[in-house]
Amino acid sequence: MELVWDGMVKAFELLLRGDREVLGITFLTLQVSGLATLISVIIGVPLGVFLALAVFPGRNVVVSIVNFGMGLPPVVVGLWVSIFLWRSGPLGFLNMMYTPGAIIVAQAIIASPIVTGFTIAAIGQLNHKIKLQILALGASRLQLLWLLIREARMGLIAAVIAGFGGVISEVGASMMVGGNISGYTRVLTTATVMEVSKGNFDIAIAISVILMLLAYTITFALTMLQQKDRHS
């Protein structure tokens, strides 16, 4: 317990002192995971709405693939992204390997099925009569989609929270495609792993505390937005 306490004290010391390295890692973590979550929302919400409303042969197979992707091991994603981004890979000409961009790509792939799956559930649980009522009032297809999204907004915010949670805590893929380069691709999760490997458990605990504070702050803000909509 003394080690845990020392780590927590160390975390607040680093934050209050404004340690440049820690602040840089924290900012990069927020930037990378934030962009990855945004990309996953741009991909996942429209795809989820489409799969929730559309009827076509093989739909159940596609939905099952999405559900499977929600539990896709991050190290597997990291491996395949690495294969594509290596110099000898199909996308090697982009020179993205061991860059923050590579981490964003990997994390977006991890989060997209999560956002899509939650969106399917959010739209799917709406009363089917709502769609008929909206159409009966003369709404266009775009208006219908917008109104359905508004009705399911609490579930959609839950999708964003889940997607963000999936990437902010991810370490395997980030390590594989980012390389954990100090001052460039090192994020809070990979920094924690590095400090543990070096035996600096107090610093590792401090970084983990900062990671949890960051994750909780973002989650709290999204939860307040979600619950505000509940009472609006």
C-alpha atoms as a PDB file:
ATOM      1  CA  MET A   1       0.000   0.000   0.000  1.00  0.00           C
ATOM      2  CA  GLU A   2       2.923   2.308   0.641  1.00  0.00           C
ATOM      3  CA  LEU A   3       3.976   1.901  -2.995  1.00  0.00           C
ATOM      4  CA  VAL A   4       0.485   2.808  -4.186  1.00  0.00           C
ATOM      5  CA  TRP A   5       0.398   5.863  -1.926  1.00  0.00           C
ATOM      6  CA  ASP A   6       3.835   6.966  -3.133  1.00  0.00           C
ATOM      7  CA  GLY A   7       2.655   6.613  -6.713  1.00  0.00           C
ATOM      8  CA  MET A   8      -0.440   8.736  -6.113  1.00  0.00           C
ATOM      9  CA  VAL A   9       1.618  11.422  -4.390  1.00  0.00           C
ATOM     10  CA  LYS A  10       4.078  11.313  -7.274  1.00  0.00           C
ATOM     11  CA  ALA A  11       1.236  11.778  -9.767  1.00  0.00           C
ATOM     12  CA  PHE A  12       0.016  14.968  -8.116  1.00  0.00           C
ATOM     13  CA  GLU A  13       3.580  16.226  -7.780  1.00  0.00           C
ATOM     14  CA  LEU A  14       4.130  15.760 -11.518  1.00  0.00           C
ATOM     15  CA  LEU A  15       0.868  17.549 -12.323  1.00  0.00           C
ATOM     16  CA  LEU A  16       1.351  20.422  -9.890  1.00  0.00           C
ATOM     17  CA  ARG A  17       4.968  20.866 -10.924  1.00  0.00           C
ATOM     18  CA  GLY A  18       3.940  20.919 -14.577  1.00  0.00           C
ATOM     19  CA  ASP A  19       6.459  18.268 -15.634  1.00  0.00           C
ATOM     20  CA  ARG A  20       7.013  18.908 -19.362  1.00  0.00           C
ATOM     21  CA  GLU A  21       7.465  15.268 -20.314  1.00  0.00           C
ATOM     22  CA  VAL A  22       4.375  14.091 -18.465  1.00  0.00           C
ATOM     23  CA  LEU A  23       2.249  16.964 -19.778  1.00  0.00           C
ATOM     24  CA  GLY A  24       3.497  16.257 -23.299  1.00  0.00           C
ATOM     25  CA  ILE A  25       2.620  12.571 -23.016  1.00  0.00           C
ATOM     26  CA  THR A  26      -0.789  13.446 -21.557  1.00  0.00           C
ATOM     27  CA  PHE A  27      -1.549  15.940 -24.329  1.00  0.00           C
ATOM     28  CA  LEU A  28      -0.467  13.459 -27.019  1.00  0.00           C
ATOM     29  CA  THR A  29      -2.659  10.773 -25.437  1.00  0.00           C
ATOM     30  CA  LEU A  30      -5.657  13.091 -25.493  1.00  0.00           C
ATOM     31  CA  GLN A  31      -4.917  14.211 -29.048  1.00  0.00           C
ATOM     32  CA  VAL A  32      -4.408  10.706 -30.453  1.00  0.00           C
ATOM     33  CA  SER A  33      -7.311   9.048 -28.654  1.00  0.00           C
ATOM     34  CA  GLY A  34      -9.580  12.034 -29.307  1.00  0.00           C
ATOM     35  CA  LEU A  35      -8.923  11.979 -33.054  1.00  0.00           C
ATOM     36  CA  ALA A  36      -9.273   8.195 -33.176  1.00  0.00           C
ATOM     37  CA  THR A  37     -12.622   8.438 -31.380  1.00  0.00           C
ATOM     38  CA  LEU A  38     -13.790  11.194 -33.737  1.00  0.00           C
ATOM     39  CA  ILE A  39     -12.890   9.090 -36.780  1.00  0.00           C
ATOM     40  CA  SER A  40     -14.669   6.078 -35.293  1.00  0.00           C
ATOM     41  CA  VAL A  41     -17.794   8.182 -34.709  1.00  0.00           C
ATOM     42  CA  ILE A  42     -17.725   9.499 -38.286  1.00  0.00           C
ATOM     43  CA  ILE A  43     -17.493   5.907 -39.535  1.00  0.00           C
ATOM     44  CA  GLY A  44     -19.460   4.050 -36.896  1.00  0.00           C
ATOM     45  CA  VAL A  45     -22.583   6.167 -36.412  1.00  0.00           C
ATOM     46  CA  PRO A  46     -23.669   6.309 -40.087  1.00  0.00           C
ATOM     47  CA  LEU A  47     -22.815   2.619 -40.549  1.00  0.00           C
ATOM     48  CA  GLY A  48     -24.661   1.684 -37.380  1.00  0.00           C
ATOM     49  CA  VAL A  49     -27.757   3.661 -38.386  1.00  0.00           C
ATOM     50  CA  PHE A  50     -27.709   2.027 -41.824  1.00  0.00           C
ATOM     51  CA  LEU A  51     -27.394  -1.486 -40.406  1.00  0.00           C
ATOM     52  CA  ALA A  52     -30.120  -0.805 -37.838  1.00  0.00           C
ATOM     53  CA  LEU A  53     -32.626   0.364 -40.459  1.00  0.00           C
ATOM     54  CA  ALA A  54     -31.683  -1.456 -43.648  1.00  0.00           C
ATOM     55  CA  VAL A  55     -33.009  -4.835 -44.733  1.00  0.00           C
ATOM     56  CA  PHE A  56     -30.845  -6.797 -47.162  1.00  0.00           C
ATOM     57  CA  PRO A  57     -29.571 -10.345 -47.669  1.00  0.00           C
ATOM     58  CA  GLY A  58     -26.622 -11.069 -45.384  1.00  0.00           C
ATOM     59  CA  ARG A  59     -27.409  -8.280 -42.938  1.00  0.00           C
ATOM     60  CA  ASN A  60     -27.138 -10.615 -39.953  1.00  0.00           C
ATOM     61  CA  VAL A  61     -23.712 -11.716 -41.155  1.00  0.00           C
ATOM     62  CA  VAL A  62     -22.538  -8.096 -41.365  1.00  0.00           C
ATOM     63  CA  VAL A  63     -23.917  -7.324 -37.900  1.00  0.00           C
ATOM     64  CA  SER A  64     -22.204 -10.418 -36.506  1.00  0.00           C
ATOM     65  CA  ILE A  65     -18.904  -9.197 -37.992  1.00  0.00           C
ATOM     66  CA  VAL A  66     -19.437  -5.830 -36.279  1.00  0.00           C
ATOM     67  CA  ASN A  67     -20.170  -7.572 -32.978  1.00  0.00           C
ATOM     68  CA  PHE A  68     -17.062  -9.707 -33.435  1.00  0.00           C
ATOM     69  CA  GLY A  69     -15.035  -6.551 -34.111  1.00  0.00           C
ATOM     70  CA  MET A  70     -16.153  -5.063 -30.800  1.00  0.00           C
ATOM     71  CA  GLY A  71     -13.961  -7.615 -29.043  1.00  0.00           C
ATOM     72  CA  LEU A  72     -11.123  -7.637 -31.545  1.00  0.00           C
ATOM     73  CA  PRO A  73      -7.770  -7.998 -29.705  1.00  0.00           C
ATOM     74  CA  PRO A  74      -5.785  -4.737 -30.022  1.00  0.00           C
ATOM     75  CA  VAL A  75      -2.547  -6.634 -30.634  1.00  0.00           C
ATOM     76  CA  VAL A  76      -4.131  -8.241 -33.692  1.00  0.00           C
ATOM     77  CA  VAL A  77      -5.098  -4.807 -34.985  1.00  0.00           C
ATOM     78  CA  GLY A  78      -1.581  -3.582 -34.267  1.00  0.00           C
ATOM     79  CA  LEU A  79      -0.074  -6.503 -36.160  1.00  0.00           C
ATOM     80  CA  TRP A  80      -2.160  -5.989 -39.294  1.00  0.00           C
ATOM     81  CA  VAL A  81      -1.762  -2.216 -39.291  1.00  0.00           C
ATOM     82  CA  SER A  82       1.990  -2.755 -38.959  1.00  0.00           C
ATOM     83  CA  ILE A  83       1.993  -5.175 -41.899  1.00  0.00           C
ATOM     84  CA  PHE A  84       0.208  -2.625 -44.079  1.00  0.00           C
ATOM     85  CA  LEU A  85       2.359   0.314 -42.955  1.00  0.00           C
ATOM     86  CA  TRP A  86       5.799  -1.329 -43.059  1.00  0.00           C
ATOM     87  CA  ARG A  87       8.006  -0.056 -45.860  1.00  0.00           C
ATOM     88  CA  SER A  88       7.467  -3.334 -47.709  1.00  0.00           C
ATOM     89  CA  GLY A  89       3.719  -3.206 -47.062  1.00  0.00           C
ATOM     90  CA  PRO A  90       0.932  -1.965 -49.367  1.00  0.00           C
ATOM     91  CA  LEU A  91       0.822   1.423 -47.625  1.00  0.00           C
ATOM     92  CA  GLY A  92       4.519   1.718 -46.872  1.00  0.00           C
ATOM     93  CA  PHE A  93       4.830   4.691 -49.211  1.00  0.00           C
ATOM     94  CA  LEU A  94       2.883   6.757 -46.652  1.00  0.00           C
ATOM     95  CA  ASN A  95       5.809   6.540 -44.190  1.00  0.00           C
ATOM     96  CA  MET A  96       3.371   6.412 -41.262  1.00  0.00           C
ATOM     97  CA  MET A  97       4.972   3.617 -39.265  1.00  0.00           C
ATOM     98  CA  TYR A  98       6.119   4.722 -35.801  1.00  0.00           C
ATOM     99  CA  THR A  99       4.214   8.004 -36.005  1.00  0.00           C
ATOM    100  CA  PRO A 100       1.222   9.346 -34.052  1.00  0.00           C
ATOM    101  CA  GLY A 101      -0.789   8.920 -37.252  1.00  0.00           C
ATOM    102  CA  ALA A 102      -0.231   5.168 -37.168  1.00  0.00           C
ATOM    103  CA  ILE A 103      -1.538   5.032 -33.594  1.00  0.00           C
ATOM    104  CA  ILE A 104      -4.618   7.011 -34.624  1.00  0.00           C
ATOM    105  CA  VAL A 105      -5.298   4.576 -37.488  1.00  0.00           C
ATOM    106  CA  ALA A 106      -4.947   1.538 -35.216  1.00  0.00           C
ATOM    107  CA  GLN A 107      -7.106   3.028 -32.463  1.00  0.00           C
ATOM    108  CA  ALA A 108      -9.776   4.136 -34.950  1.00  0.00           C
ATOM    109  CA  ILE A 109      -9.979   0.568 -36.255  1.00  0.00           C
ATOM    110  CA  ILE A 110     -10.390  -0.679 -32.684  1.00  0.00           C
ATOM    111  CA  ALA A 111     -13.083   1.859 -31.792  1.00  0.00           C
ATOM    112  CA  SER A 112     -15.140   1.826 -35.016  1.00  0.00           C
ATOM    113  CA  PRO A 113     -16.832  -1.554 -34.416  1.00  0.00           C
ATOM    114  CA  ILE A 114     -17.583  -0.523 -30.830  1.00  0.00           C
ATOM    115  CA  VAL A 115     -19.290   2.691 -31.937  1.00  0.00           C
ATOM    116  CA  THR A 116     -21.083   0.863 -34.753  1.00  0.00           C
ATOM    117  CA  GLY A 117     -22.366  -1.877 -32.455  1.00  0.00           C
ATOM    118  CA  PHE A 118     -23.643   0.550 -29.832  1.00  0.00           C
ATOM    119  CA  THR A 119     -25.297   2.637 -32.553  1.00  0.00           C
ATOM    120  CA  ILE A 120     -27.087  -0.408 -33.956  1.00  0.00           C
ATOM    121  CA  ALA A 121     -28.387  -1.172 -30.464  1.00  0.00           C
ATOM    122  CA  ALA A 122     -29.416   2.461 -29.820  1.00  0.00           C
ATOM    123  CA  ILE A 123     -31.369   2.814 -33.065  1.00  0.00           C
ATOM    124  CA  GLY A 124     -32.710  -0.741 -32.920  1.00  0.00           C
ATOM    125  CA  GLN A 125     -34.312  -0.289 -29.511  1.00  0.00           C
ATOM    126  CA  LEU A 126     -36.478   2.610 -30.711  1.00  0.00           C
ATOM    127  CA  ASN A 127     -40.144   1.830 -31.050  1.00  0.00           C
ATOM    128  CA  HIS A 128     -40.779   0.968 -34.707  1.00  0.00           C
ATOM    129  CA  LYS A 129     -43.951   3.053 -34.598  1.00  0.00           C
ATOM    130  CA  ILE A 130     -41.847   6.212 -34.268  1.00  0.00           C
ATOM    131  CA  LYS A 131     -40.556   5.731 -37.814  1.00  0.00           C
ATOM    132  CA  LEU A 132     -44.096   5.314 -39.144  1.00  0.00           C
ATOM    133  CA  GLN A 133     -45.301   8.401 -37.282  1.00  0.00           C
ATOM    134  CA  ILE A 134     -42.457  10.528 -38.621  1.00  0.00           C
ATOM    135  CA  LEU A 135     -43.103   9.376 -42.192  1.00  0.00           C
ATOM    136  CA  ALA A 136     -46.838   9.972 -41.757  1.00  0.00           C
ATOM    137  CA  LEU A 137     -46.080  13.600 -40.910  1.00  0.00           C
ATOM    138  CA  GLY A 138     -44.432  14.001 -44.311  1.00  0.00           C
ATOM    139  CA  ALA A 139     -40.790  13.992 -43.258  1.00  0.00           C
ATOM    140  CA  SER A 140     -38.122  13.431 -45.904  1.00  0.00           C
ATOM    141  CA  ARG A 141     -35.626  10.583 -45.601  1.00  0.00           C
ATOM    142  CA  LEU A 142     -32.945  12.927 -44.247  1.00  0.00           C
ATOM    143  CA  GLN A 143     -35.378  14.391 -41.734  1.00  0.00           C
ATOM    144  CA  LEU A 144     -36.349  10.873 -40.691  1.00  0.00           C
ATOM    145  CA  LEU A 145     -32.731   9.915 -40.075  1.00  0.00           C
ATOM    146  CA  TRP A 146     -32.038  13.112 -38.130  1.00  0.00           C
ATOM    147  CA  LEU A 147     -35.096  12.659 -35.904  1.00  0.00           C
ATOM    148  CA  LEU A 148     -34.237   9.014 -35.229  1.00  0.00           C
ATOM    149  CA  ILE A 149     -30.710  10.022 -34.267  1.00  0.00           C
ATOM    150  CA  ARG A 150     -32.133  12.654 -31.913  1.00  0.00           C
ATOM    151  CA  GLU A 151     -34.395  10.054 -30.316  1.00  0.00           C
ATOM    152  CA  ALA A 152     -31.459   7.702 -29.822  1.00  0.00           C
ATOM    153  CA  ARG A 153     -28.968  10.363 -28.712  1.00  0.00           C
ATOM    154  CA  MET A 154     -28.463   8.915 -25.222  1.00  0.00           C
ATOM    155  CA  GLY A 155     -27.446   5.597 -26.717  1.00  0.00           C
ATOM    156  CA  LEU A 156     -25.236   7.338 -29.266  1.00  0.00           C
ATOM    157  CA  ILE A 157     -23.392   9.227 -26.543  1.00  0.00           C
ATOM    158  CA  ALA A 158     -22.917   5.873 -24.821  1.00  0.00           C
ATOM    159  CA  ALA A 159     -21.370   4.678 -28.099  1.00  0.00           C
ATOM    160  CA  VAL A 160     -18.909   7.590 -28.011  1.00  0.00           C
ATOM    161  CA  ILE A 161     -18.047   6.865 -24.369  1.00  0.00           C
ATOM    162  CA  ALA A 162     -17.460   3.190 -25.141  1.00  0.00           C
ATOM    163  CA  GLY A 163     -15.346   4.001 -28.189  1.00  0.00           C
ATOM    164  CA  PHE A 164     -13.234   6.482 -26.257  1.00  0.00           C
ATOM    165  CA  GLY A 165     -12.825   4.040 -23.390  1.00  0.00           C
ATOM    166  CA  GLY A 166     -11.651   1.390 -25.813  1.00  0.00           C
ATOM    167  CA  VAL A 167      -8.837   3.520 -27.213  1.00  0.00           C
ATOM    168  CA  ILE A 168      -7.696   5.571 -24.208  1.00  0.00           C
ATOM    169  CA  SER A 169      -6.893   2.331 -22.360  1.00  0.00           C
ATOM    170  CA  GLU A 170      -5.345   0.523 -25.341  1.00  0.00           C
ATOM    171  CA  VAL A 171      -1.634  -0.342 -25.207  1.00  0.00           C
ATOM    172  CA  GLY A 172      -0.793  -3.288 -27.497  1.00  0.00           C
ATOM    173  CA  ALA A 173      -1.526  -1.699 -30.857  1.00  0.00           C
ATOM    174  CA  SER A 174      -0.070   1.662 -29.798  1.00  0.00           C
ATOM    175  CA  MET A 175       3.171  -0.005 -28.817  1.00  0.00           C
ATOM    176  CA  MET A 176       3.383  -2.013 -32.043  1.00  0.00           C
ATOM    177  CA  VAL A 177       2.663   0.750 -34.550  1.00  0.00           C
ATOM    178  CA  GLY A 178       3.958   3.724 -32.546  1.00  0.00           C
ATOM    179  CA  GLY A 179       7.155   2.299 -31.118  1.00  0.00           C
ATOM    180  CA  ASN A 180       6.851   4.191 -27.801  1.00  0.00           C
ATOM    181  CA  ILE A 181       9.305   6.874 -28.961  1.00  0.00           C
ATOM    182  CA  SER A 182       9.998   9.467 -26.271  1.00  0.00           C
ATOM    183  CA  GLY A 183       8.644  12.899 -27.151  1.00  0.00           C
ATOM    184  CA  TYR A 184       6.976  11.628 -30.322  1.00  0.00           C
ATOM    185  CA  THR A 185       4.756   8.543 -29.984  1.00  0.00           C
ATOM    186  CA  ARG A 186       4.870   7.783 -26.264  1.00  0.00           C
ATOM    187  CA  VAL A 187       1.400   7.891 -24.719  1.00  0.00           C
ATOM    188  CA  LEU A 188       0.298   7.263 -21.141  1.00  0.00           C
ATOM    189  CA  THR A 189      -0.399   3.550 -21.575  1.00  0.00           C
ATOM    190  CA  THR A 190       2.905   2.757 -23.282  1.00  0.00           C
ATOM    191  CA  ALA A 191       4.781   4.956 -20.791  1.00  0.00           C
ATOM    192  CA  THR A 192       3.243   2.930 -17.943  1.00  0.00           C
ATOM    193  CA  VAL A 193       4.375  -0.345 -19.492  1.00  0.00           C
ATOM    194  CA  MET A 194       7.880   1.040 -20.013  1.00  0.00           C
ATOM    195  CA  GLU A 195       8.221   2.201 -16.413  1.00  0.00           C
ATOM    196  CA  VAL A 196       7.028  -1.175 -15.121  1.00  0.00           C
ATOM    197  CA  SER A 197       9.607  -2.938 -17.291  1.00  0.00           C
ATOM    198  CA  LYS A 198      12.284  -0.662 -15.811  1.00  0.00           C
ATOM    199  CA  GLY A 199      11.140  -1.416 -12.273  1.00  0.00           C
ATOM    200  CA  ASN A 200      10.005   2.165 -11.604  1.00  0.00           C
ATOM    201  CA  PHE A 201       6.711   1.120 -10.069  1.00  0.00           C
ATOM    202  CA  ASP A 202       6.090   4.422  -8.279  1.00  0.00           C
ATOM    203  CA  ILE A 203       6.351   6.349 -11.553  1.00  0.00           C
ATOM    204  CA  ALA A 204       4.241   3.703 -13.325  1.00  0.00           C
ATOM    205  CA  ILE A 205       1.524   4.096 -10.702  1.00  0.00           C
ATOM    206  CA  ALA A 206       1.759   7.893 -11.003  1.00  0.00           C
ATOM    207  CA  ILE A 207       1.306   7.738 -14.785  1.00  0.00           C
ATOM    208  CA  SER A 208      -1.582   5.290 -14.399  1.00  0.00           C
ATOM    209  CA  VAL A 209      -3.281   7.694 -11.978  1.00  0.00           C
ATOM    210  CA  ILE A 210      -2.914  10.520 -14.496  1.00  0.00           C
ATOM    211  CA  LEU A 211      -4.339   8.235 -17.198  1.00  0.00           C
ATOM    212  CA  MET A 212      -7.351   7.385 -15.053  1.00  0.00           C
ATOM    213  CA  LEU A 213      -7.916  11.052 -14.183  1.00  0.00           C
ATOM    214  CA  LEU A 214      -7.839  11.971 -17.884  1.00  0.00           C
ATOM    215  CA  ALA A 215     -10.164   9.128 -18.867  1.00  0.00           C
ATOM    216  CA  TYR A 216     -12.595   9.933 -16.061  1.00  0.00           C
ATOM    217  CA  THR A 217     -12.649  13.658 -16.872  1.00  0.00           C
ATOM    218  CA  ILE A 218     -13.626  13.023 -20.495  1.00  0.00           C
ATOM    219  CA  THR A 219     -16.102  10.314 -19.524  1.00  0.00           C
ATOM    220  CA  PHE A 220     -17.640  12.580 -16.875  1.00  0.00           C
ATOM    221  CA  ALA A 221     -18.115  15.390 -19.418  1.00  0.00           C
ATOM    222  CA  LEU A 222     -19.791  13.030 -21.895  1.00  0.00           C
ATOM    223  CA  THR A 223     -21.959  11.555 -19.147  1.00  0.00           C
ATOM    224  CA  MET A 224     -23.136  15.022 -18.109  1.00  0.00           C
ATOM    225  CA  LEU A 225     -24.059  15.713 -21.734  1.00  0.00           C
ATOM    226  CA  GLN A 226     -25.892  12.400 -21.913  1.00  0.00           C
ATOM    227  CA  GLN A 227     -27.846  12.941 -18.695  1.00  0.00           C
ATOM    228  CA  LYS A 228     -28.629  16.531 -19.662  1.00  0.00           C
ATOM    229  CA  ASP A 229     -30.299  15.208 -22.794  1.00  0.00           C
ATOM    230  CA  ARG A 230     -32.237  12.770 -20.657  1.00  0.00           C
ATOM    231  CA  HIS A 231     -33.988  15.582 -18.815  1.00  0.00           C
ATOM    232  CA  SER A 232     -34.347  17.936 -21.765  1.00  0.00           C
END
